[in-house]
């Protein structure tokens, strides 16, 4: 399962990339605005692309077909690494089809069931993204939705990846992998938390204690 870092913070991105922990970066307008503080976030997106050779996903800032298409084209011009994220609404369908036909990689977001996923893939989306936190907020089993999407794509031989967006903790992250998600996005704090476990800390303390008791004195030269 591929891992995408949900962040527009360059320090977090450089840390994750330098440790080879992620396969890409995904942003939102809110994340970009919080970091750039500017009306036009394209400069920051270009800087993120320069910080990594990996795919970088950015979201259109429009909700009607013509503007979605134009925004998608402008985002794609920033870098060959750019993946255009488009919310799966009715007005977006023609824009997804046009952009995909022109070779722009498109991720359809706000996909929450198999019917939506199949339609997104049919018009050319290369990935469908399901927001785990939003399903959790409604009391739904988010990982069962991921499993449903993956099984439907497998049964219909559709070539479209399933992204579990914003897995909240290590248990949900692992559940997404078991459910067959092709990718999962996590924030920087969640990514760091995946490296942690109480037994790991306890084992490290024991290891260091053993070393201090049994370490041999160094030979003098």
N, C-alpha and C. Protein backbone atom coordinates (compact mmCIF):
# COMPACT_ATOMS: atom_id res chain seq x y z
N UNK A 1 0.84 -1.19 0.00
CA UNK A 1 0.00 0.00 0.00
C UNK A 1 0.87 1.24 0.00
N UNK A 2 0.60 2.13 -0.93
CA UNK A 2 1.35 3.38 -0.99
C UNK A 2 0.88 4.33 0.11
N UNK A 3 1.82 5.17 0.55
CA UNK A 3 1.52 6.14 1.61
C UNK A 3 1.71 7.55 1.06
N UNK A 4 0.70 8.37 1.24
CA UNK A 4 0.77 9.78 0.84
C UNK A 4 0.73 10.65 2.10
N UNK A 5 1.60 11.64 2.14
CA UNK A 5 1.60 12.57 3.27
C UNK A 5 0.62 13.70 2.99
N UNK A 6 -0.34 13.88 3.87
CA UNK A 6 -1.31 14.96 3.74
C UNK A 6 -0.76 16.20 4.42
N UNK A 7 -0.07 17.01 3.66
CA UNK A 7 0.59 18.19 4.24
C UNK A 7 1.03 19.13 3.13
N UNK A 8 1.11 20.42 3.47
CA UNK A 8 1.72 21.40 2.59
C UNK A 8 2.91 22.05 3.28
N UNK A 9 3.31 21.47 4.41
CA UNK A 9 4.43 22.02 5.18
C UNK A 9 5.73 21.42 4.67
N UNK A 10 6.60 22.25 4.16
CA UNK A 10 7.81 21.77 3.50
C UNK A 10 8.71 20.98 4.44
N UNK A 11 8.82 21.39 5.70
CA UNK A 11 9.68 20.66 6.64
C UNK A 11 9.18 19.23 6.82
N UNK A 12 7.87 19.07 6.96
CA UNK A 12 7.30 17.72 7.12
C UNK A 12 7.50 16.89 5.85
N UNK A 13 7.31 17.52 4.71
CA UNK A 13 7.47 16.81 3.44
C UNK A 13 8.91 16.36 3.25
N UNK A 14 9.85 17.26 3.50
CA UNK A 14 11.27 16.90 3.34
C UNK A 14 11.67 15.80 4.31
N UNK A 15 11.15 15.84 5.53
CA UNK A 15 11.46 14.79 6.52
C UNK A 15 10.95 13.43 6.02
N UNK A 16 9.69 13.38 5.59
CA UNK A 16 9.09 12.12 5.15
C UNK A 16 9.79 11.58 3.91
N UNK A 17 10.12 12.47 2.97
CA UNK A 17 10.77 12.03 1.74
C UNK A 17 12.19 11.56 2.02
N UNK A 18 12.93 12.29 2.85
CA UNK A 18 14.32 11.91 3.13
C UNK A 18 14.41 10.56 3.85
N UNK A 19 13.36 10.19 4.58
CA UNK A 19 13.33 8.90 5.27
C UNK A 19 12.66 7.81 4.42
N UNK A 20 12.29 8.17 3.18
CA UNK A 20 11.67 7.21 2.25
C UNK A 20 10.41 6.56 2.84
N UNK A 21 9.64 7.35 3.58
CA UNK A 21 8.44 6.82 4.22
C UNK A 21 7.18 7.01 3.38
N UNK A 22 7.24 7.86 2.35
CA UNK A 22 6.03 8.17 1.59
C UNK A 22 6.26 7.98 0.10
N UNK A 23 5.13 7.80 -0.60
CA UNK A 23 5.15 7.62 -2.04
C UNK A 23 4.57 8.82 -2.78
N UNK A 24 4.18 9.83 -2.03
CA UNK A 24 3.61 11.02 -2.64
C UNK A 24 3.11 11.98 -1.57
N UNK A 25 2.61 13.12 -2.03
CA UNK A 25 2.09 14.17 -1.15
C UNK A 25 0.71 14.56 -1.64
N UNK A 26 -0.20 14.76 -0.72
CA UNK A 26 -1.53 15.24 -1.09
C UNK A 26 -1.84 16.50 -0.28
N UNK A 27 -2.40 17.49 -0.97
CA UNK A 27 -2.70 18.76 -0.32
C UNK A 27 -4.19 19.07 -0.46
N UNK A 28 -4.62 20.07 0.29
CA UNK A 28 -5.96 20.62 0.16
C UNK A 28 -5.83 22.14 0.11
N UNK A 29 -6.84 22.84 -0.35
CA UNK A 29 -6.78 24.31 -0.33
C UNK A 29 -6.51 24.85 1.07
N UNK A 30 -7.10 24.22 2.09
CA UNK A 30 -6.91 24.69 3.46
C UNK A 30 -5.46 24.50 3.91
N UNK A 31 -4.86 23.35 3.59
CA UNK A 31 -3.47 23.11 3.96
C UNK A 31 -2.54 24.09 3.27
N UNK A 32 -2.78 24.34 1.99
CA UNK A 32 -1.94 25.28 1.25
C UNK A 32 -2.08 26.70 1.79
N UNK A 33 -3.32 27.11 2.06
CA UNK A 33 -3.55 28.47 2.57
C UNK A 33 -2.89 28.67 3.93
N UNK A 34 -2.91 27.64 4.75
CA UNK A 34 -2.31 27.75 6.08
C UNK A 34 -0.81 27.93 6.01
N UNK A 35 -0.19 27.38 4.98
CA UNK A 35 1.27 27.48 4.85
C UNK A 35 1.72 28.68 4.04
N UNK A 36 1.01 29.00 2.97
CA UNK A 36 1.48 30.07 2.09
C UNK A 36 1.00 31.44 2.53
N UNK A 37 -0.24 31.51 3.03
CA UNK A 37 -0.79 32.80 3.41
C UNK A 37 -1.02 33.71 2.22
N UNK A 38 -0.99 33.16 1.01
CA UNK A 38 -1.14 33.94 -0.21
C UNK A 38 -2.39 33.51 -0.97
N UNK A 39 -2.99 34.41 -1.77
CA UNK A 39 -4.17 34.02 -2.53
C UNK A 39 -3.88 32.96 -3.59
N UNK A 40 -2.68 32.97 -4.16
CA UNK A 40 -2.31 32.00 -5.19
C UNK A 40 -1.34 31.00 -4.60
N UNK A 41 -1.76 29.74 -4.55
CA UNK A 41 -0.95 28.71 -3.91
C UNK A 41 -0.02 27.98 -4.88
N UNK A 42 0.00 28.41 -6.15
CA UNK A 42 0.78 27.67 -7.14
C UNK A 42 2.28 27.73 -6.87
N UNK A 43 2.76 28.84 -6.31
CA UNK A 43 4.19 28.92 -5.99
C UNK A 43 4.57 27.88 -4.94
N UNK A 44 3.72 27.72 -3.93
CA UNK A 44 3.99 26.73 -2.90
C UNK A 44 3.91 25.32 -3.49
N UNK A 45 2.95 25.07 -4.36
CA UNK A 45 2.85 23.75 -4.99
C UNK A 45 4.12 23.45 -5.81
N UNK A 46 4.60 24.46 -6.52
CA UNK A 46 5.83 24.27 -7.29
C UNK A 46 7.00 23.95 -6.37
N UNK A 47 7.06 24.62 -5.22
CA UNK A 47 8.14 24.35 -4.26
C UNK A 47 8.03 22.94 -3.69
N UNK A 48 6.82 22.49 -3.43
CA UNK A 48 6.62 21.12 -2.94
C UNK A 48 7.09 20.12 -3.99
N UNK A 49 6.77 20.39 -5.24
CA UNK A 49 7.21 19.49 -6.32
C UNK A 49 8.73 19.45 -6.40
N UNK A 50 9.37 20.59 -6.18
CA UNK A 50 10.83 20.61 -6.21
C UNK A 50 11.44 19.87 -5.04
N UNK A 51 10.69 19.79 -3.94
CA UNK A 51 11.20 19.13 -2.74
C UNK A 51 11.14 17.62 -2.82
N UNK A 52 10.42 17.10 -3.81
CA UNK A 52 10.26 15.66 -3.94
C UNK A 52 10.07 15.30 -5.41
N UNK A 53 10.54 14.14 -5.78
CA UNK A 53 10.32 13.65 -7.15
C UNK A 53 9.05 12.81 -7.23
N UNK A 54 8.23 12.85 -6.18
CA UNK A 54 7.05 12.00 -6.08
C UNK A 54 5.80 12.73 -6.56
N UNK A 55 4.71 12.00 -6.79
CA UNK A 55 3.45 12.66 -7.16
C UNK A 55 2.97 13.62 -6.08
N UNK A 56 2.41 14.74 -6.51
CA UNK A 56 1.86 15.75 -5.60
C UNK A 56 0.44 16.05 -6.05
N UNK A 57 -0.52 15.85 -5.16
CA UNK A 57 -1.93 16.04 -5.50
C UNK A 57 -2.41 17.40 -5.02
N UNK A 58 -3.14 18.09 -5.88
CA UNK A 58 -3.71 19.40 -5.54
C UNK A 58 -5.14 19.46 -6.04
N UNK A 59 -5.97 20.21 -5.33
CA UNK A 59 -7.41 20.23 -5.60
C UNK A 59 -7.82 21.48 -6.38
N UNK A 60 -8.72 21.30 -7.33
CA UNK A 60 -9.27 22.44 -8.05
C UNK A 60 -10.07 23.31 -7.09
N UNK A 61 -10.20 24.59 -7.46
CA UNK A 61 -10.91 25.54 -6.60
C UNK A 61 -12.20 25.99 -7.25
N UNK A 62 -12.87 25.07 -7.93
CA UNK A 62 -14.09 25.41 -8.66
C UNK A 62 -15.11 24.28 -8.53
N UNK A 63 -16.39 24.62 -8.84
CA UNK A 63 -17.44 23.61 -8.74
C UNK A 63 -18.32 23.57 -9.99
N UNK A 64 -17.94 24.29 -11.06
CA UNK A 64 -18.69 24.15 -12.30
C UNK A 64 -17.75 23.64 -13.38
N UNK A 65 -18.33 22.98 -14.38
CA UNK A 65 -17.56 22.17 -15.32
C UNK A 65 -16.44 22.95 -16.01
N UNK A 66 -16.76 24.12 -16.56
CA UNK A 66 -15.75 24.89 -17.29
C UNK A 66 -14.60 25.32 -16.41
N UNK A 67 -14.92 25.82 -15.22
CA UNK A 67 -13.87 26.28 -14.31
C UNK A 67 -13.06 25.12 -13.75
N UNK A 68 -13.72 23.99 -13.49
CA UNK A 68 -12.98 22.81 -13.01
C UNK A 68 -11.95 22.40 -14.05
N UNK A 69 -12.36 22.38 -15.31
CA UNK A 69 -11.43 22.00 -16.38
C UNK A 69 -10.27 22.99 -16.46
N UNK A 70 -10.57 24.28 -16.44
CA UNK A 70 -9.51 25.28 -16.53
C UNK A 70 -8.56 25.21 -15.34
N UNK A 71 -9.13 25.05 -14.13
CA UNK A 71 -8.28 24.92 -12.94
C UNK A 71 -7.39 23.70 -13.04
N UNK A 72 -7.97 22.59 -13.51
CA UNK A 72 -7.19 21.36 -13.66
C UNK A 72 -6.05 21.52 -14.63
N UNK A 73 -6.30 22.20 -15.76
CA UNK A 73 -5.24 22.45 -16.74
C UNK A 73 -4.14 23.32 -16.14
N UNK A 74 -4.51 24.34 -15.40
CA UNK A 74 -3.52 25.23 -14.80
C UNK A 74 -2.68 24.50 -13.75
N UNK A 75 -3.31 23.66 -12.95
CA UNK A 75 -2.56 22.89 -11.96
C UNK A 75 -1.59 21.93 -12.65
N UNK A 76 -2.04 21.29 -13.71
CA UNK A 76 -1.19 20.32 -14.40
C UNK A 76 0.04 20.97 -15.01
N UNK A 77 -0.04 22.27 -15.31
CA UNK A 77 1.09 22.98 -15.90
C UNK A 77 2.22 23.22 -14.89
N UNK A 78 1.91 23.14 -13.61
CA UNK A 78 2.92 23.42 -12.59
C UNK A 78 4.05 22.42 -12.66
N UNK A 79 3.70 21.15 -12.84
CA UNK A 79 4.71 20.09 -12.87
C UNK A 79 4.10 18.82 -13.43
N UNK A 80 4.95 18.00 -14.04
CA UNK A 80 4.49 16.68 -14.48
C UNK A 80 4.10 15.80 -13.30
N UNK A 81 4.54 16.18 -12.11
CA UNK A 81 4.23 15.39 -10.91
C UNK A 81 2.81 15.62 -10.41
N UNK A 82 2.16 16.70 -10.87
CA UNK A 82 0.86 17.08 -10.32
C UNK A 82 -0.23 16.09 -10.67
N UNK A 83 -0.97 15.69 -9.66
CA UNK A 83 -2.20 14.92 -9.81
C UNK A 83 -3.34 15.85 -9.42
N UNK A 84 -4.32 16.01 -10.28
CA UNK A 84 -5.41 16.94 -10.04
C UNK A 84 -6.53 16.23 -9.28
N UNK A 85 -6.89 16.78 -8.14
CA UNK A 85 -7.99 16.23 -7.34
C UNK A 85 -9.27 17.00 -7.64
N UNK A 86 -10.32 16.26 -7.95
CA UNK A 86 -11.59 16.87 -8.32
C UNK A 86 -12.71 16.20 -7.54
N UNK A 87 -13.54 16.97 -6.83
CA UNK A 87 -14.66 16.36 -6.12
C UNK A 87 -15.68 15.78 -7.10
N UNK A 88 -16.17 14.59 -6.81
CA UNK A 88 -17.08 13.91 -7.73
C UNK A 88 -18.50 14.45 -7.56
N UNK A 89 -18.74 15.53 -8.28
CA UNK A 89 -20.08 16.10 -8.37
C UNK A 89 -20.50 16.05 -9.84
N UNK A 90 -21.77 16.27 -10.11
CA UNK A 90 -22.25 16.11 -11.49
C UNK A 90 -21.51 17.02 -12.47
N UNK A 91 -21.28 18.27 -12.08
CA UNK A 91 -20.61 19.20 -12.98
C UNK A 91 -19.16 18.84 -13.23
N UNK A 92 -18.60 17.97 -12.40
CA UNK A 92 -17.19 17.62 -12.57
C UNK A 92 -16.98 16.49 -13.57
N UNK A 93 -18.03 15.77 -13.91
CA UNK A 93 -17.87 14.56 -14.73
C UNK A 93 -17.23 14.86 -16.08
N UNK A 94 -17.74 15.88 -16.77
CA UNK A 94 -17.18 16.19 -18.09
C UNK A 94 -15.75 16.69 -17.98
N UNK A 95 -15.45 17.43 -16.92
CA UNK A 95 -14.09 17.93 -16.73
C UNK A 95 -13.12 16.79 -16.46
N UNK A 96 -13.53 15.83 -15.65
CA UNK A 96 -12.68 14.66 -15.40
C UNK A 96 -12.41 13.92 -16.70
N UNK A 97 -13.44 13.75 -17.50
CA UNK A 97 -13.27 13.04 -18.78
C UNK A 97 -12.32 13.78 -19.69
N UNK A 98 -12.48 15.10 -19.81
CA UNK A 98 -11.62 15.89 -20.70
C UNK A 98 -10.18 15.89 -20.23
N UNK A 99 -9.97 16.12 -18.96
CA UNK A 99 -8.60 16.17 -18.43
C UNK A 99 -7.91 14.81 -18.58
N UNK A 100 -8.62 13.76 -18.25
CA UNK A 100 -8.04 12.41 -18.37
C UNK A 100 -7.68 12.10 -19.81
N UNK A 101 -8.56 12.49 -20.75
CA UNK A 101 -8.30 12.25 -22.17
C UNK A 101 -7.06 13.00 -22.64
N UNK A 102 -6.73 14.10 -21.96
CA UNK A 102 -5.57 14.90 -22.33
C UNK A 102 -4.31 14.47 -21.58
N UNK A 103 -4.40 13.38 -20.84
CA UNK A 103 -3.23 12.85 -20.16
C UNK A 103 -2.99 13.38 -18.77
N UNK A 104 -3.94 14.13 -18.22
CA UNK A 104 -3.81 14.64 -16.85
C UNK A 104 -4.30 13.57 -15.89
N UNK A 105 -3.48 13.27 -14.88
CA UNK A 105 -3.90 12.29 -13.88
C UNK A 105 -4.91 12.94 -12.94
N UNK A 106 -6.04 12.25 -12.74
CA UNK A 106 -7.13 12.80 -11.93
C UNK A 106 -7.48 11.85 -10.81
N UNK A 107 -7.58 12.40 -9.61
CA UNK A 107 -8.13 11.69 -8.47
C UNK A 107 -9.52 12.25 -8.17
N UNK A 108 -10.52 11.40 -8.17
CA UNK A 108 -11.87 11.82 -7.82
C UNK A 108 -12.03 11.72 -6.31
N UNK A 109 -12.34 12.84 -5.67
CA UNK A 109 -12.51 12.86 -4.21
C UNK A 109 -14.00 12.85 -3.86
N UNK A 110 -14.28 12.74 -2.58
CA UNK A 110 -15.66 12.68 -2.07
C UNK A 110 -16.41 11.50 -2.66
N UNK A 111 -15.70 10.38 -2.76
CA UNK A 111 -16.30 9.13 -3.23
C UNK A 111 -16.57 8.25 -2.02
N UNK A 112 -17.84 7.87 -1.82
CA UNK A 112 -18.20 7.16 -0.59
C UNK A 112 -18.94 5.85 -0.82
N UNK A 113 -19.15 5.46 -2.08
CA UNK A 113 -19.75 4.15 -2.33
C UNK A 113 -19.30 3.61 -3.67
N UNK A 114 -19.63 2.36 -3.93
CA UNK A 114 -19.15 1.68 -5.14
C UNK A 114 -19.71 2.30 -6.41
N UNK A 115 -20.97 2.75 -6.36
CA UNK A 115 -21.56 3.35 -7.55
C UNK A 115 -20.78 4.60 -7.97
N UNK A 116 -20.49 5.46 -7.01
CA UNK A 116 -19.70 6.66 -7.32
C UNK A 116 -18.34 6.27 -7.87
N UNK A 117 -17.71 5.28 -7.24
CA UNK A 117 -16.36 4.87 -7.65
C UNK A 117 -16.35 4.36 -9.08
N UNK A 118 -17.32 3.54 -9.44
CA UNK A 118 -17.38 2.99 -10.80
C UNK A 118 -17.60 4.09 -11.84
N UNK A 119 -18.45 5.05 -11.52
CA UNK A 119 -18.70 6.14 -12.46
C UNK A 119 -17.47 7.03 -12.61
N UNK A 120 -16.76 7.28 -11.50
CA UNK A 120 -15.53 8.08 -11.56
C UNK A 120 -14.49 7.40 -12.44
N UNK A 121 -14.34 6.10 -12.25
CA UNK A 121 -13.38 5.35 -13.06
C UNK A 121 -13.80 5.32 -14.52
N UNK A 122 -15.09 5.23 -14.77
CA UNK A 122 -15.60 5.15 -16.15
C UNK A 122 -15.26 6.40 -16.95
N UNK A 123 -15.27 7.56 -16.29
CA UNK A 123 -14.98 8.81 -17.00
C UNK A 123 -13.49 9.17 -16.97
N UNK A 124 -12.66 8.28 -16.37
CA UNK A 124 -11.23 8.48 -16.51
C UNK A 124 -10.42 8.73 -15.27
N UNK A 125 -11.05 8.78 -14.10
CA UNK A 125 -10.26 8.99 -12.88
C UNK A 125 -9.31 7.80 -12.67
N UNK A 126 -8.07 8.09 -12.36
CA UNK A 126 -7.11 7.02 -12.11
C UNK A 126 -7.12 6.56 -10.66
N UNK A 127 -7.69 7.40 -9.79
CA UNK A 127 -7.80 7.08 -8.37
C UNK A 127 -9.11 7.64 -7.84
N UNK A 128 -9.74 6.90 -6.93
CA UNK A 128 -10.87 7.45 -6.17
C UNK A 128 -10.45 7.55 -4.71
N UNK A 129 -10.84 8.63 -4.08
CA UNK A 129 -10.41 8.90 -2.71
C UNK A 129 -11.61 8.96 -1.77
N UNK A 130 -11.53 8.18 -0.71
CA UNK A 130 -12.60 8.13 0.29
C UNK A 130 -12.08 8.72 1.59
N UNK A 131 -12.77 9.74 2.10
CA UNK A 131 -12.35 10.43 3.32
C UNK A 131 -12.76 9.61 4.54
N UNK A 132 -11.79 8.98 5.17
CA UNK A 132 -12.08 8.12 6.32
C UNK A 132 -12.67 8.91 7.48
N UNK A 133 -12.16 10.11 7.71
CA UNK A 133 -12.62 10.90 8.86
C UNK A 133 -14.09 11.29 8.71
N UNK A 134 -14.52 11.55 7.48
CA UNK A 134 -15.92 11.93 7.27
C UNK A 134 -16.86 10.75 7.49
N UNK A 135 -16.44 9.57 7.06
CA UNK A 135 -17.26 8.38 7.33
C UNK A 135 -17.31 8.07 8.82
N UNK A 136 -16.17 8.20 9.48
CA UNK A 136 -16.13 7.98 10.93
C UNK A 136 -17.08 8.93 11.66
N UNK A 137 -17.12 10.19 11.20
CA UNK A 137 -17.97 11.19 11.85
C UNK A 137 -19.45 10.83 11.74
N UNK A 138 -19.81 10.07 10.69
CA UNK A 138 -21.19 9.63 10.52
C UNK A 138 -21.47 8.28 11.20
N UNK A 139 -20.44 7.74 11.84
CA UNK A 139 -20.60 6.45 12.51
C UNK A 139 -20.56 5.27 11.58
N UNK A 140 -20.06 5.45 10.36
CA UNK A 140 -19.96 4.35 9.40
C UNK A 140 -18.61 3.68 9.50
N UNK A 141 -18.57 2.42 9.10
CA UNK A 141 -17.32 1.66 9.10
C UNK A 141 -16.56 2.03 7.83
N UNK A 142 -15.57 2.90 7.98
CA UNK A 142 -14.85 3.42 6.82
C UNK A 142 -14.09 2.33 6.08
N UNK A 143 -13.51 1.39 6.82
CA UNK A 143 -12.72 0.35 6.15
C UNK A 143 -13.59 -0.60 5.34
N UNK A 144 -14.84 -0.77 5.73
CA UNK A 144 -15.73 -1.63 4.94
C UNK A 144 -16.04 -0.97 3.60
N UNK A 145 -16.08 0.35 3.56
CA UNK A 145 -16.28 1.06 2.30
C UNK A 145 -15.07 0.86 1.40
N UNK A 146 -13.88 0.95 1.96
CA UNK A 146 -12.66 0.71 1.18
C UNK A 146 -12.67 -0.71 0.61
N UNK A 147 -13.07 -1.68 1.42
CA UNK A 147 -13.12 -3.07 0.98
C UNK A 147 -14.13 -3.23 -0.17
N UNK A 148 -15.27 -2.56 -0.05
CA UNK A 148 -16.30 -2.63 -1.09
C UNK A 148 -15.78 -2.06 -2.41
N UNK A 149 -15.14 -0.91 -2.34
CA UNK A 149 -14.63 -0.28 -3.57
C UNK A 149 -13.59 -1.17 -4.24
N UNK A 150 -12.68 -1.72 -3.44
CA UNK A 150 -11.62 -2.55 -4.00
C UNK A 150 -12.19 -3.82 -4.64
N UNK A 151 -13.16 -4.43 -3.97
CA UNK A 151 -13.73 -5.68 -4.50
C UNK A 151 -14.54 -5.43 -5.76
N UNK A 152 -15.24 -4.31 -5.84
CA UNK A 152 -16.02 -3.98 -7.03
C UNK A 152 -15.09 -3.72 -8.22
N UNK A 153 -14.00 -2.99 -7.99
CA UNK A 153 -13.04 -2.76 -9.07
C UNK A 153 -12.42 -4.07 -9.54
N UNK A 154 -12.09 -4.93 -8.60
CA UNK A 154 -11.48 -6.22 -8.96
C UNK A 154 -12.45 -7.07 -9.77
N UNK A 155 -13.72 -7.06 -9.37
CA UNK A 155 -14.71 -7.88 -10.06
C UNK A 155 -15.00 -7.36 -11.47
N UNK A 156 -14.89 -6.05 -11.65
CA UNK A 156 -15.20 -5.47 -12.96
C UNK A 156 -13.95 -5.21 -13.80
N UNK A 157 -12.80 -5.62 -13.27
CA UNK A 157 -11.49 -5.44 -13.93
C UNK A 157 -11.24 -3.99 -14.33
N UNK A 158 -11.72 -3.07 -13.51
CA UNK A 158 -11.49 -1.64 -13.75
C UNK A 158 -10.12 -1.27 -13.19
N UNK A 159 -9.33 -0.57 -13.98
CA UNK A 159 -8.01 -0.14 -13.52
C UNK A 159 -8.11 1.24 -12.87
N UNK A 160 -8.41 1.23 -11.60
CA UNK A 160 -8.53 2.47 -10.83
C UNK A 160 -8.11 2.17 -9.40
N UNK A 161 -7.30 3.05 -8.83
CA UNK A 161 -6.81 2.81 -7.48
C UNK A 161 -7.75 3.40 -6.44
N UNK A 162 -7.72 2.82 -5.24
CA UNK A 162 -8.55 3.28 -4.13
C UNK A 162 -7.64 3.87 -3.07
N UNK A 163 -7.90 5.13 -2.73
CA UNK A 163 -7.13 5.78 -1.67
C UNK A 163 -8.00 5.97 -0.44
N UNK A 164 -7.47 5.52 0.71
CA UNK A 164 -8.12 5.79 1.99
C UNK A 164 -7.54 7.09 2.53
N UNK A 165 -8.32 8.15 2.45
CA UNK A 165 -7.82 9.47 2.81
C UNK A 165 -7.92 9.73 4.30
N UNK A 166 -6.81 10.14 4.87
CA UNK A 166 -6.73 10.56 6.27
C UNK A 166 -7.08 9.45 7.25
N UNK A 167 -6.36 8.35 7.14
CA UNK A 167 -6.44 7.33 8.20
C UNK A 167 -6.02 7.98 9.51
N UNK A 168 -6.76 7.69 10.57
CA UNK A 168 -6.61 8.46 11.80
C UNK A 168 -5.59 7.90 12.79
N UNK A 169 -5.27 6.63 12.67
CA UNK A 169 -4.35 6.02 13.65
C UNK A 169 -3.79 4.72 13.06
N UNK A 170 -2.91 4.08 13.81
CA UNK A 170 -2.25 2.88 13.29
C UNK A 170 -3.24 1.74 13.04
N UNK A 171 -4.25 1.62 13.90
CA UNK A 171 -5.23 0.54 13.71
C UNK A 171 -6.01 0.74 12.41
N UNK A 172 -6.46 1.95 12.17
CA UNK A 172 -7.22 2.21 10.94
C UNK A 172 -6.31 2.13 9.71
N UNK A 173 -5.08 2.55 9.84
CA UNK A 173 -4.11 2.45 8.76
C UNK A 173 -3.92 0.99 8.37
N UNK A 174 -3.71 0.12 9.35
CA UNK A 174 -3.53 -1.31 9.07
C UNK A 174 -4.80 -1.92 8.51
N UNK A 175 -5.96 -1.48 9.01
CA UNK A 175 -7.23 -1.99 8.50
C UNK A 175 -7.42 -1.63 7.04
N UNK A 176 -6.98 -0.45 6.65
CA UNK A 176 -7.07 -0.05 5.24
C UNK A 176 -6.22 -0.96 4.37
N UNK A 177 -5.03 -1.30 4.85
CA UNK A 177 -4.16 -2.21 4.10
C UNK A 177 -4.82 -3.57 3.96
N UNK A 178 -5.40 -4.08 5.05
CA UNK A 178 -6.09 -5.37 4.99
C UNK A 178 -7.31 -5.32 4.07
N UNK A 179 -7.95 -4.15 3.99
CA UNK A 179 -9.14 -4.01 3.15
C UNK A 179 -8.79 -3.90 1.67
N UNK A 180 -7.50 -3.79 1.36
CA UNK A 180 -7.08 -3.75 -0.03
C UNK A 180 -6.87 -2.37 -0.61
N UNK A 181 -6.79 -1.34 0.24
CA UNK A 181 -6.54 0.01 -0.28
C UNK A 181 -5.22 0.04 -1.03
N UNK A 182 -5.22 0.71 -2.18
CA UNK A 182 -3.98 0.86 -2.94
C UNK A 182 -3.08 1.92 -2.33
N UNK A 183 -3.70 2.88 -1.62
CA UNK A 183 -2.95 3.97 -1.02
C UNK A 183 -3.72 4.49 0.18
N UNK A 184 -2.99 5.11 1.10
CA UNK A 184 -3.60 5.78 2.24
C UNK A 184 -2.87 7.09 2.46
N UNK A 185 -3.62 8.13 2.80
CA UNK A 185 -2.98 9.39 3.15
C UNK A 185 -3.09 9.59 4.65
N UNK A 186 -2.03 10.15 5.22
CA UNK A 186 -1.98 10.42 6.66
C UNK A 186 -1.31 11.77 6.88
N UNK A 187 -1.66 12.41 7.98
CA UNK A 187 -0.98 13.65 8.35
C UNK A 187 0.40 13.32 8.89
N UNK A 188 1.24 14.34 9.02
CA UNK A 188 2.58 14.12 9.56
C UNK A 188 2.55 13.56 10.99
N UNK A 189 1.71 14.09 11.90
CA UNK A 189 1.67 13.49 13.24
C UNK A 189 1.25 12.02 13.23
N UNK A 190 0.28 11.67 12.38
CA UNK A 190 -0.13 10.26 12.31
C UNK A 190 0.99 9.41 11.73
N UNK A 191 1.69 9.92 10.71
CA UNK A 191 2.80 9.16 10.14
C UNK A 191 3.86 8.88 11.19
N UNK A 192 4.20 9.87 11.97
CA UNK A 192 5.20 9.66 13.03
C UNK A 192 4.68 8.66 14.07
N UNK A 193 3.38 8.72 14.36
CA UNK A 193 2.82 7.82 15.37
C UNK A 193 2.86 6.36 14.92
N UNK A 194 2.89 6.13 13.59
CA UNK A 194 2.94 4.76 13.09
C UNK A 194 4.26 4.07 13.46
N UNK A 195 5.26 4.87 13.77
CA UNK A 195 6.56 4.31 14.16
C UNK A 195 6.60 3.91 15.63
N UNK A 196 5.56 4.26 16.38
CA UNK A 196 5.59 4.11 17.83
C UNK A 196 4.71 2.95 18.30
N UNK A 197 5.13 2.36 19.42
CA UNK A 197 4.33 1.36 20.13
C UNK A 197 4.87 1.29 21.55
N UNK A 198 3.99 1.16 22.56
CA UNK A 198 4.47 1.08 23.94
C UNK A 198 5.48 -0.04 24.17
N UNK A 199 5.28 -1.18 23.52
CA UNK A 199 6.22 -2.29 23.70
C UNK A 199 7.57 -2.01 23.05
N UNK A 200 7.56 -1.20 21.98
CA UNK A 200 8.83 -0.79 21.38
C UNK A 200 9.61 0.06 22.36
N UNK A 201 8.93 1.01 23.01
CA UNK A 201 9.59 1.85 24.01
C UNK A 201 10.11 1.02 25.18
N UNK A 202 9.28 0.08 25.61
CA UNK A 202 9.70 -0.76 26.74
C UNK A 202 10.90 -1.63 26.34
N UNK A 203 10.84 -2.17 25.13
CA UNK A 203 11.94 -2.99 24.67
C UNK A 203 13.23 -2.19 24.52
N UNK A 204 13.12 -0.94 24.07
CA UNK A 204 14.30 -0.09 23.94
C UNK A 204 14.91 0.20 25.30
N UNK A 205 14.05 0.48 26.29
CA UNK A 205 14.56 0.72 27.65
C UNK A 205 15.30 -0.51 28.16
N UNK A 206 14.75 -1.69 27.93
CA UNK A 206 15.39 -2.92 28.39
C UNK A 206 16.72 -3.14 27.65
N UNK A 207 16.72 -2.86 26.35
CA UNK A 207 17.93 -3.02 25.55
C UNK A 207 19.04 -2.10 26.06
N UNK A 208 18.70 -0.84 26.32
CA UNK A 208 19.70 0.11 26.81
C UNK A 208 20.18 -0.28 28.21
N UNK A 209 19.27 -0.80 29.03
CA UNK A 209 19.65 -1.24 30.37
C UNK A 209 20.61 -2.42 30.30
N UNK A 210 20.33 -3.37 29.40
CA UNK A 210 21.21 -4.52 29.22
C UNK A 210 22.59 -4.08 28.74
N UNK A 211 22.60 -3.13 27.82
CA UNK A 211 23.88 -2.64 27.31
C UNK A 211 24.72 -2.01 28.41
N UNK A 212 24.06 -1.21 29.25
CA UNK A 212 24.81 -0.51 30.30
C UNK A 212 25.38 -1.48 31.34
N UNK A 213 24.72 -2.62 31.53
CA UNK A 213 25.20 -3.59 32.53
C UNK A 213 26.27 -4.53 31.98
N UNK A 214 26.22 -4.77 30.66
CA UNK A 214 27.11 -5.78 30.11
C UNK A 214 28.13 -5.23 29.12
N UNK A 215 28.14 -3.93 28.97
CA UNK A 215 29.09 -3.36 28.01
C UNK A 215 30.52 -3.57 28.48
N UNK A 216 31.34 -4.08 27.57
CA UNK A 216 32.72 -4.35 27.91
C UNK A 216 33.53 -3.07 27.90
N UNK A 217 34.48 -2.95 28.83
CA UNK A 217 35.35 -1.74 28.80
C UNK A 217 36.21 -1.73 27.57
N UNK A 218 36.46 -0.55 27.05
CA UNK A 218 37.27 -0.42 25.86
C UNK A 218 38.75 -0.70 26.18
N UNK A 219 39.42 -1.37 25.27
CA UNK A 219 40.85 -1.65 25.45
C UNK A 219 41.64 -0.39 25.15
N UNK A 220 42.62 -0.13 26.03
CA UNK A 220 43.48 1.03 25.81
C UNK A 220 44.50 0.71 24.74
N UNK A 221 44.74 1.66 23.85
CA UNK A 221 45.71 1.45 22.78
C UNK A 221 47.13 1.75 23.27
